[in-house]
């Protein structure tokens, strides 16, 4: 992921815009994109500041608050499927998530949750 432009450059571009330069002229003077200069000007007008937004994904998950419930339920019923866990979370904790969120939660907690289909033993192949 790239780094945001410096706060100093942002301030100089906005000062030039407030000083009467057009967005296109300010962008040419500071060698940045026209859209970038325009967005910094709009950001300054709306928030009063031109600081860049925080980059990266936020840490954690909605399910972190319900870790005790999820892990306790899997200790009681180790054969519970991910879909059944999603249904229990919706019914008992009023949390609406998809099965992938539960899987990622379990993966972060180093828990494997694989289920094998029940089938008769094969004499030719390993099961």
N, C-alpha and C. Protein backbone atom coordinates (compact mmCIF):
# COMPACT_ATOMS: atom_id res chain seq x y z
N UNK A 1 0.84 -1.17 0.00
CA UNK A 1 0.00 0.00 0.00
C UNK A 1 0.89 1.23 0.00
N UNK A 2 0.55 2.21 -0.80
CA UNK A 2 1.33 3.43 -0.89
C UNK A 2 1.14 4.32 0.31
N UNK A 3 2.03 5.28 0.45
CA UNK A 3 1.94 6.21 1.55
C UNK A 3 1.17 7.45 1.10
N UNK A 4 0.47 8.11 2.01
CA UNK A 4 -0.23 9.33 1.64
C UNK A 4 0.75 10.48 1.42
N UNK A 5 0.30 11.49 0.67
CA UNK A 5 1.13 12.68 0.48
C UNK A 5 1.36 13.34 1.83
N UNK A 6 2.45 14.11 1.93
CA UNK A 6 2.80 14.74 3.20
C UNK A 6 1.79 15.82 3.58
N UNK A 7 1.72 16.07 4.86
CA UNK A 7 0.82 17.10 5.38
C UNK A 7 1.24 18.47 4.86
N UNK A 8 2.55 18.68 4.71
CA UNK A 8 3.06 19.96 4.22
C UNK A 8 2.58 20.24 2.80
N UNK A 9 2.67 19.25 1.91
CA UNK A 9 2.22 19.42 0.54
C UNK A 9 0.72 19.69 0.50
N UNK A 10 -0.03 18.95 1.29
CA UNK A 10 -1.47 19.14 1.33
C UNK A 10 -1.82 20.57 1.75
N UNK A 11 -1.12 21.06 2.78
CA UNK A 11 -1.38 22.42 3.27
C UNK A 11 -1.03 23.47 2.20
N UNK A 12 0.09 23.27 1.51
CA UNK A 12 0.49 24.24 0.48
C UNK A 12 -0.50 24.26 -0.69
N UNK A 13 -1.00 23.10 -1.08
CA UNK A 13 -1.97 23.04 -2.17
C UNK A 13 -3.27 23.74 -1.75
N UNK A 14 -3.74 23.48 -0.55
CA UNK A 14 -4.98 24.09 -0.08
C UNK A 14 -4.80 25.61 0.06
N UNK A 15 -3.63 26.03 0.55
CA UNK A 15 -3.36 27.48 0.64
C UNK A 15 -3.40 28.12 -0.74
N UNK A 16 -2.85 27.44 -1.74
CA UNK A 16 -2.88 27.97 -3.10
C UNK A 16 -4.32 28.05 -3.62
N UNK A 17 -5.13 27.05 -3.31
CA UNK A 17 -6.53 27.07 -3.73
C UNK A 17 -7.29 28.20 -3.05
N UNK A 18 -7.04 28.39 -1.77
CA UNK A 18 -7.70 29.46 -1.04
C UNK A 18 -7.17 30.83 -1.46
N UNK A 19 -5.95 30.86 -2.00
CA UNK A 19 -5.36 32.11 -2.48
C UNK A 19 -5.87 32.55 -3.84
N UNK A 20 -6.70 31.74 -4.48
CA UNK A 20 -7.30 32.15 -5.73
C UNK A 20 -6.93 31.32 -6.94
N UNK A 21 -6.00 30.41 -6.81
CA UNK A 21 -5.65 29.55 -7.94
C UNK A 21 -6.78 28.56 -8.21
N UNK A 22 -6.93 28.20 -9.45
CA UNK A 22 -7.92 27.17 -9.80
C UNK A 22 -7.33 25.80 -9.42
N UNK A 23 -8.20 24.83 -9.38
CA UNK A 23 -7.76 23.48 -9.05
C UNK A 23 -6.74 22.98 -10.06
N UNK A 24 -6.98 23.24 -11.31
CA UNK A 24 -6.07 22.81 -12.38
C UNK A 24 -4.70 23.49 -12.24
N UNK A 25 -4.69 24.79 -11.93
CA UNK A 25 -3.43 25.53 -11.78
C UNK A 25 -2.65 25.05 -10.56
N UNK A 26 -3.36 24.82 -9.46
CA UNK A 26 -2.69 24.34 -8.25
C UNK A 26 -2.10 22.95 -8.48
N UNK A 27 -2.83 22.10 -9.17
CA UNK A 27 -2.34 20.76 -9.46
C UNK A 27 -1.10 20.82 -10.34
N UNK A 28 -1.08 21.69 -11.32
CA UNK A 28 0.09 21.82 -12.20
C UNK A 28 1.28 22.38 -11.43
N UNK A 29 1.05 23.35 -10.56
CA UNK A 29 2.15 23.96 -9.81
C UNK A 29 2.84 22.95 -8.90
N UNK A 30 2.07 22.09 -8.27
CA UNK A 30 2.65 21.16 -7.29
C UNK A 30 2.83 19.74 -7.85
N UNK A 31 2.59 19.56 -9.13
CA UNK A 31 2.79 18.28 -9.82
C UNK A 31 2.00 17.14 -9.18
N UNK A 32 0.72 17.40 -8.96
CA UNK A 32 -0.19 16.37 -8.45
C UNK A 32 -1.38 16.29 -9.39
N UNK A 33 -2.22 15.33 -9.18
CA UNK A 33 -3.40 15.16 -10.02
C UNK A 33 -4.45 16.22 -9.74
N UNK A 34 -5.23 16.54 -10.76
CA UNK A 34 -6.30 17.54 -10.61
C UNK A 34 -7.34 17.04 -9.61
N UNK A 35 -7.69 15.79 -9.70
CA UNK A 35 -8.67 15.23 -8.77
C UNK A 35 -8.16 15.26 -7.34
N UNK A 36 -6.86 15.05 -7.16
CA UNK A 36 -6.27 15.07 -5.83
C UNK A 36 -6.38 16.47 -5.24
N UNK A 37 -6.01 17.47 -6.02
CA UNK A 37 -6.10 18.86 -5.54
C UNK A 37 -7.55 19.22 -5.22
N UNK A 38 -8.47 18.79 -6.06
CA UNK A 38 -9.88 19.07 -5.82
C UNK A 38 -10.41 18.39 -4.57
N UNK A 39 -10.00 17.16 -4.36
CA UNK A 39 -10.48 16.44 -3.17
C UNK A 39 -9.90 17.05 -1.90
N UNK A 40 -8.66 17.51 -1.95
CA UNK A 40 -8.08 18.17 -0.77
C UNK A 40 -8.80 19.48 -0.48
N UNK A 41 -9.17 20.22 -1.51
CA UNK A 41 -9.92 21.45 -1.31
C UNK A 41 -11.29 21.18 -0.70
N UNK A 42 -12.00 20.15 -1.19
CA UNK A 42 -13.30 19.78 -0.63
C UNK A 42 -13.15 19.30 0.80
N UNK A 43 -12.09 18.53 1.07
CA UNK A 43 -11.85 18.03 2.42
C UNK A 43 -11.63 19.19 3.39
N UNK A 44 -10.87 20.18 2.98
CA UNK A 44 -10.61 21.35 3.82
C UNK A 44 -11.90 22.12 4.09
N UNK A 45 -12.75 22.28 3.07
CA UNK A 45 -14.00 23.00 3.26
C UNK A 45 -14.97 22.24 4.16
N UNK A 46 -14.99 20.92 4.06
CA UNK A 46 -15.97 20.15 4.83
C UNK A 46 -15.52 19.87 6.26
N UNK A 47 -14.23 19.58 6.46
CA UNK A 47 -13.78 19.21 7.81
C UNK A 47 -12.87 20.26 8.45
N UNK A 48 -12.33 21.17 7.65
CA UNK A 48 -11.43 22.17 8.20
C UNK A 48 -10.00 21.70 8.30
N UNK A 49 -9.72 20.49 7.81
CA UNK A 49 -8.37 19.92 7.90
C UNK A 49 -8.13 19.06 6.66
N UNK A 50 -6.86 18.83 6.35
CA UNK A 50 -6.53 18.02 5.17
C UNK A 50 -5.70 16.80 5.54
N UNK A 51 -5.84 16.33 6.76
CA UNK A 51 -5.08 15.14 7.17
C UNK A 51 -5.59 13.91 6.43
N UNK A 52 -4.68 13.01 6.08
CA UNK A 52 -5.11 11.79 5.38
C UNK A 52 -5.86 10.87 6.33
N UNK A 53 -6.75 10.08 5.77
CA UNK A 53 -7.49 9.10 6.57
C UNK A 53 -6.55 7.97 6.96
N UNK A 54 -6.89 7.28 8.01
CA UNK A 54 -6.10 6.15 8.46
C UNK A 54 -6.14 5.06 7.41
N UNK A 55 -4.98 4.47 7.13
CA UNK A 55 -4.91 3.44 6.10
C UNK A 55 -4.90 2.05 6.73
N UNK A 56 -5.33 1.09 5.95
CA UNK A 56 -5.31 -0.29 6.39
C UNK A 56 -6.65 -0.76 6.91
N UNK A 57 -6.74 -2.05 7.13
CA UNK A 57 -7.97 -2.64 7.63
C UNK A 57 -8.04 -2.46 9.14
N UNK A 58 -9.23 -2.22 9.66
CA UNK A 58 -9.35 -2.14 11.12
C UNK A 58 -9.12 -3.51 11.75
N UNK A 59 -8.55 -3.50 12.92
CA UNK A 59 -8.28 -4.75 13.62
C UNK A 59 -9.54 -5.27 14.28
N UNK A 60 -9.60 -6.55 14.44
CA UNK A 60 -10.69 -7.16 15.16
C UNK A 60 -11.87 -7.53 14.29
N UNK A 61 -12.91 -8.01 14.96
CA UNK A 61 -14.08 -8.51 14.28
C UNK A 61 -15.29 -8.29 15.17
N UNK A 62 -16.46 -8.36 14.58
CA UNK A 62 -17.70 -8.28 15.34
C UNK A 62 -17.78 -9.47 16.30
N UNK A 63 -17.20 -10.58 15.89
CA UNK A 63 -17.30 -11.80 16.69
C UNK A 63 -16.36 -11.83 17.89
N UNK A 64 -15.40 -10.92 17.97
CA UNK A 64 -14.48 -10.91 19.10
C UNK A 64 -15.22 -10.70 20.42
N UNK A 65 -16.29 -9.94 20.41
CA UNK A 65 -17.08 -9.71 21.63
C UNK A 65 -17.82 -10.97 22.06
N UNK A 66 -18.00 -11.91 21.16
CA UNK A 66 -18.75 -13.13 21.44
C UNK A 66 -17.84 -14.37 21.45
N UNK A 67 -16.57 -14.16 21.70
CA UNK A 67 -15.60 -15.26 21.66
C UNK A 67 -15.94 -16.34 22.68
N UNK A 68 -16.32 -15.96 23.89
CA UNK A 68 -16.63 -16.95 24.92
C UNK A 68 -17.81 -17.81 24.51
N UNK A 69 -18.82 -17.19 23.91
CA UNK A 69 -19.99 -17.94 23.47
C UNK A 69 -19.63 -18.94 22.38
N UNK A 70 -18.87 -18.49 21.38
CA UNK A 70 -18.52 -19.34 20.24
C UNK A 70 -17.65 -20.51 20.70
N UNK A 71 -16.60 -20.20 21.44
CA UNK A 71 -15.67 -21.25 21.86
C UNK A 71 -16.34 -22.20 22.84
N UNK A 72 -17.18 -21.68 23.73
CA UNK A 72 -17.91 -22.55 24.67
C UNK A 72 -18.88 -23.47 23.95
N UNK A 73 -19.57 -22.93 22.97
CA UNK A 73 -20.53 -23.73 22.20
C UNK A 73 -19.81 -24.85 21.45
N UNK A 74 -18.64 -24.55 20.90
CA UNK A 74 -17.89 -25.59 20.17
C UNK A 74 -17.29 -26.63 21.11
N UNK A 75 -17.03 -26.26 22.36
CA UNK A 75 -16.57 -27.26 23.33
C UNK A 75 -17.71 -28.21 23.69
N UNK A 76 -18.93 -27.65 23.81
CA UNK A 76 -20.09 -28.48 24.14
C UNK A 76 -20.51 -29.36 22.97
N UNK A 77 -20.50 -28.78 21.77
CA UNK A 77 -20.93 -29.49 20.56
C UNK A 77 -19.84 -29.38 19.51
N UNK A 78 -18.83 -30.23 19.56
CA UNK A 78 -17.72 -30.11 18.62
C UNK A 78 -18.09 -30.43 17.17
N UNK A 79 -19.24 -31.07 16.96
CA UNK A 79 -19.63 -31.41 15.59
C UNK A 79 -20.57 -30.37 14.98
N UNK A 80 -20.67 -29.19 15.58
CA UNK A 80 -21.51 -28.11 15.07
C UNK A 80 -20.93 -27.57 13.77
N UNK A 81 -21.77 -27.39 12.77
CA UNK A 81 -21.28 -26.86 11.49
C UNK A 81 -21.20 -25.34 11.57
N UNK A 82 -20.51 -24.75 10.61
CA UNK A 82 -20.39 -23.29 10.56
C UNK A 82 -21.76 -22.64 10.35
N UNK A 83 -22.59 -23.25 9.50
CA UNK A 83 -23.93 -22.72 9.27
C UNK A 83 -24.78 -22.78 10.54
N UNK A 84 -24.65 -23.85 11.29
CA UNK A 84 -25.38 -23.95 12.55
C UNK A 84 -24.89 -22.92 13.55
N UNK A 85 -23.59 -22.65 13.54
CA UNK A 85 -23.05 -21.63 14.44
C UNK A 85 -23.58 -20.25 14.05
N UNK A 86 -23.70 -19.98 12.76
CA UNK A 86 -24.25 -18.70 12.30
C UNK A 86 -25.70 -18.57 12.79
N UNK A 87 -26.47 -19.65 12.70
CA UNK A 87 -27.86 -19.61 13.16
C UNK A 87 -27.94 -19.40 14.67
N UNK A 88 -27.06 -20.04 15.43
CA UNK A 88 -27.06 -19.88 16.90
C UNK A 88 -26.66 -18.46 17.28
N UNK A 89 -25.69 -17.88 16.57
CA UNK A 89 -25.30 -16.50 16.85
C UNK A 89 -26.46 -15.54 16.59
N UNK A 90 -27.21 -15.78 15.51
CA UNK A 90 -28.35 -14.92 15.20
C UNK A 90 -29.45 -15.07 16.24
N UNK A 91 -29.71 -16.30 16.66
CA UNK A 91 -30.81 -16.55 17.59
C UNK A 91 -30.47 -16.12 19.02
N UNK A 92 -29.28 -16.45 19.50
CA UNK A 92 -28.96 -16.25 20.91
C UNK A 92 -28.21 -14.95 21.20
N UNK A 93 -27.43 -14.46 20.24
CA UNK A 93 -26.64 -13.25 20.48
C UNK A 93 -27.10 -12.06 19.64
N UNK A 94 -28.07 -12.28 18.75
CA UNK A 94 -28.56 -11.26 17.84
C UNK A 94 -27.43 -10.66 17.00
N UNK A 95 -26.56 -11.53 16.50
CA UNK A 95 -25.44 -11.12 15.65
C UNK A 95 -25.64 -11.77 14.29
N UNK A 96 -25.67 -10.95 13.25
CA UNK A 96 -25.87 -11.45 11.89
C UNK A 96 -24.53 -11.45 11.16
N UNK A 97 -24.00 -12.64 10.89
CA UNK A 97 -22.74 -12.79 10.17
C UNK A 97 -22.89 -13.91 9.15
N UNK A 98 -21.91 -14.02 8.28
CA UNK A 98 -21.89 -15.11 7.31
C UNK A 98 -20.93 -16.18 7.80
N UNK A 99 -21.01 -17.32 7.16
CA UNK A 99 -20.19 -18.45 7.61
C UNK A 99 -18.69 -18.16 7.49
N UNK A 100 -18.30 -17.36 6.52
CA UNK A 100 -16.89 -17.02 6.34
C UNK A 100 -16.35 -16.25 7.54
N UNK A 101 -17.17 -15.39 8.13
CA UNK A 101 -16.74 -14.63 9.30
C UNK A 101 -16.45 -15.57 10.47
N UNK A 102 -17.30 -16.57 10.64
CA UNK A 102 -17.08 -17.55 11.71
C UNK A 102 -15.82 -18.35 11.44
N UNK A 103 -15.64 -18.76 10.18
CA UNK A 103 -14.44 -19.52 9.82
C UNK A 103 -13.18 -18.70 10.09
N UNK A 104 -13.17 -17.42 9.69
CA UNK A 104 -12.00 -16.56 9.92
C UNK A 104 -11.76 -16.36 11.40
N UNK A 105 -12.82 -16.23 12.19
CA UNK A 105 -12.69 -16.11 13.63
C UNK A 105 -11.99 -17.35 14.20
N UNK A 106 -12.45 -18.52 13.80
CA UNK A 106 -11.85 -19.76 14.29
C UNK A 106 -10.41 -19.90 13.82
N UNK A 107 -10.12 -19.46 12.61
CA UNK A 107 -8.77 -19.51 12.09
C UNK A 107 -7.84 -18.61 12.90
N UNK A 108 -8.31 -17.42 13.28
CA UNK A 108 -7.50 -16.52 14.10
C UNK A 108 -7.23 -17.10 15.48
N UNK A 109 -8.13 -17.97 15.95
CA UNK A 109 -7.95 -18.60 17.25
C UNK A 109 -7.30 -19.99 17.13
N UNK A 110 -6.69 -20.25 15.98
CA UNK A 110 -5.98 -21.51 15.72
C UNK A 110 -6.84 -22.74 15.97
N UNK A 111 -8.07 -22.67 15.57
CA UNK A 111 -8.96 -23.81 15.70
C UNK A 111 -9.31 -24.31 14.31
N UNK A 112 -9.12 -25.56 14.08
CA UNK A 112 -9.56 -26.14 12.82
C UNK A 112 -10.96 -26.66 13.03
N UNK A 113 -11.77 -26.50 12.04
CA UNK A 113 -13.16 -26.93 12.17
C UNK A 113 -13.55 -27.63 10.88
N UNK A 114 -12.95 -28.78 10.67
CA UNK A 114 -13.22 -29.53 9.45
C UNK A 114 -14.12 -30.70 9.80
N UNK A 115 -15.04 -30.94 8.92
CA UNK A 115 -15.95 -32.06 9.12
C UNK A 115 -15.82 -33.00 7.94
N UNK A 116 -15.90 -34.26 8.22
CA UNK A 116 -15.87 -35.26 7.15
C UNK A 116 -17.27 -35.81 6.98
N UNK A 117 -17.62 -36.10 5.76
CA UNK A 117 -18.91 -36.71 5.49
C UNK A 117 -18.90 -38.14 6.00
N UNK A 118 -20.02 -38.55 6.54
CA UNK A 118 -20.12 -39.93 7.01
C UNK A 118 -20.38 -40.83 5.82
N UNK A 119 -19.52 -41.81 5.65
CA UNK A 119 -19.70 -42.75 4.54
C UNK A 119 -19.09 -44.08 4.94
N UNK A 120 -19.52 -45.11 4.28
CA UNK A 120 -18.97 -46.42 4.63
C UNK A 120 -17.49 -46.51 4.28
N UNK A 121 -16.80 -47.34 4.98
CA UNK A 121 -15.37 -47.52 4.77
C UNK A 121 -15.14 -48.14 3.40
N UNK A 122 -14.21 -47.58 2.66
CA UNK A 122 -13.89 -48.10 1.34
C UNK A 122 -12.76 -49.11 1.48
N UNK A 123 -12.87 -50.20 0.77
CA UNK A 123 -11.80 -51.20 0.81
C UNK A 123 -10.67 -50.87 -0.14
N UNK A 124 -10.92 -49.98 -1.11
CA UNK A 124 -9.92 -49.67 -2.12
C UNK A 124 -9.14 -48.39 -1.81
N UNK A 125 -9.78 -47.42 -1.19
CA UNK A 125 -9.14 -46.12 -1.00
C UNK A 125 -9.16 -45.73 0.47
N UNK A 126 -8.20 -44.89 0.85
CA UNK A 126 -8.18 -44.38 2.21
C UNK A 126 -9.28 -43.34 2.37
N UNK A 127 -9.88 -43.31 3.54
CA UNK A 127 -10.92 -42.30 3.79
C UNK A 127 -10.47 -41.32 4.83
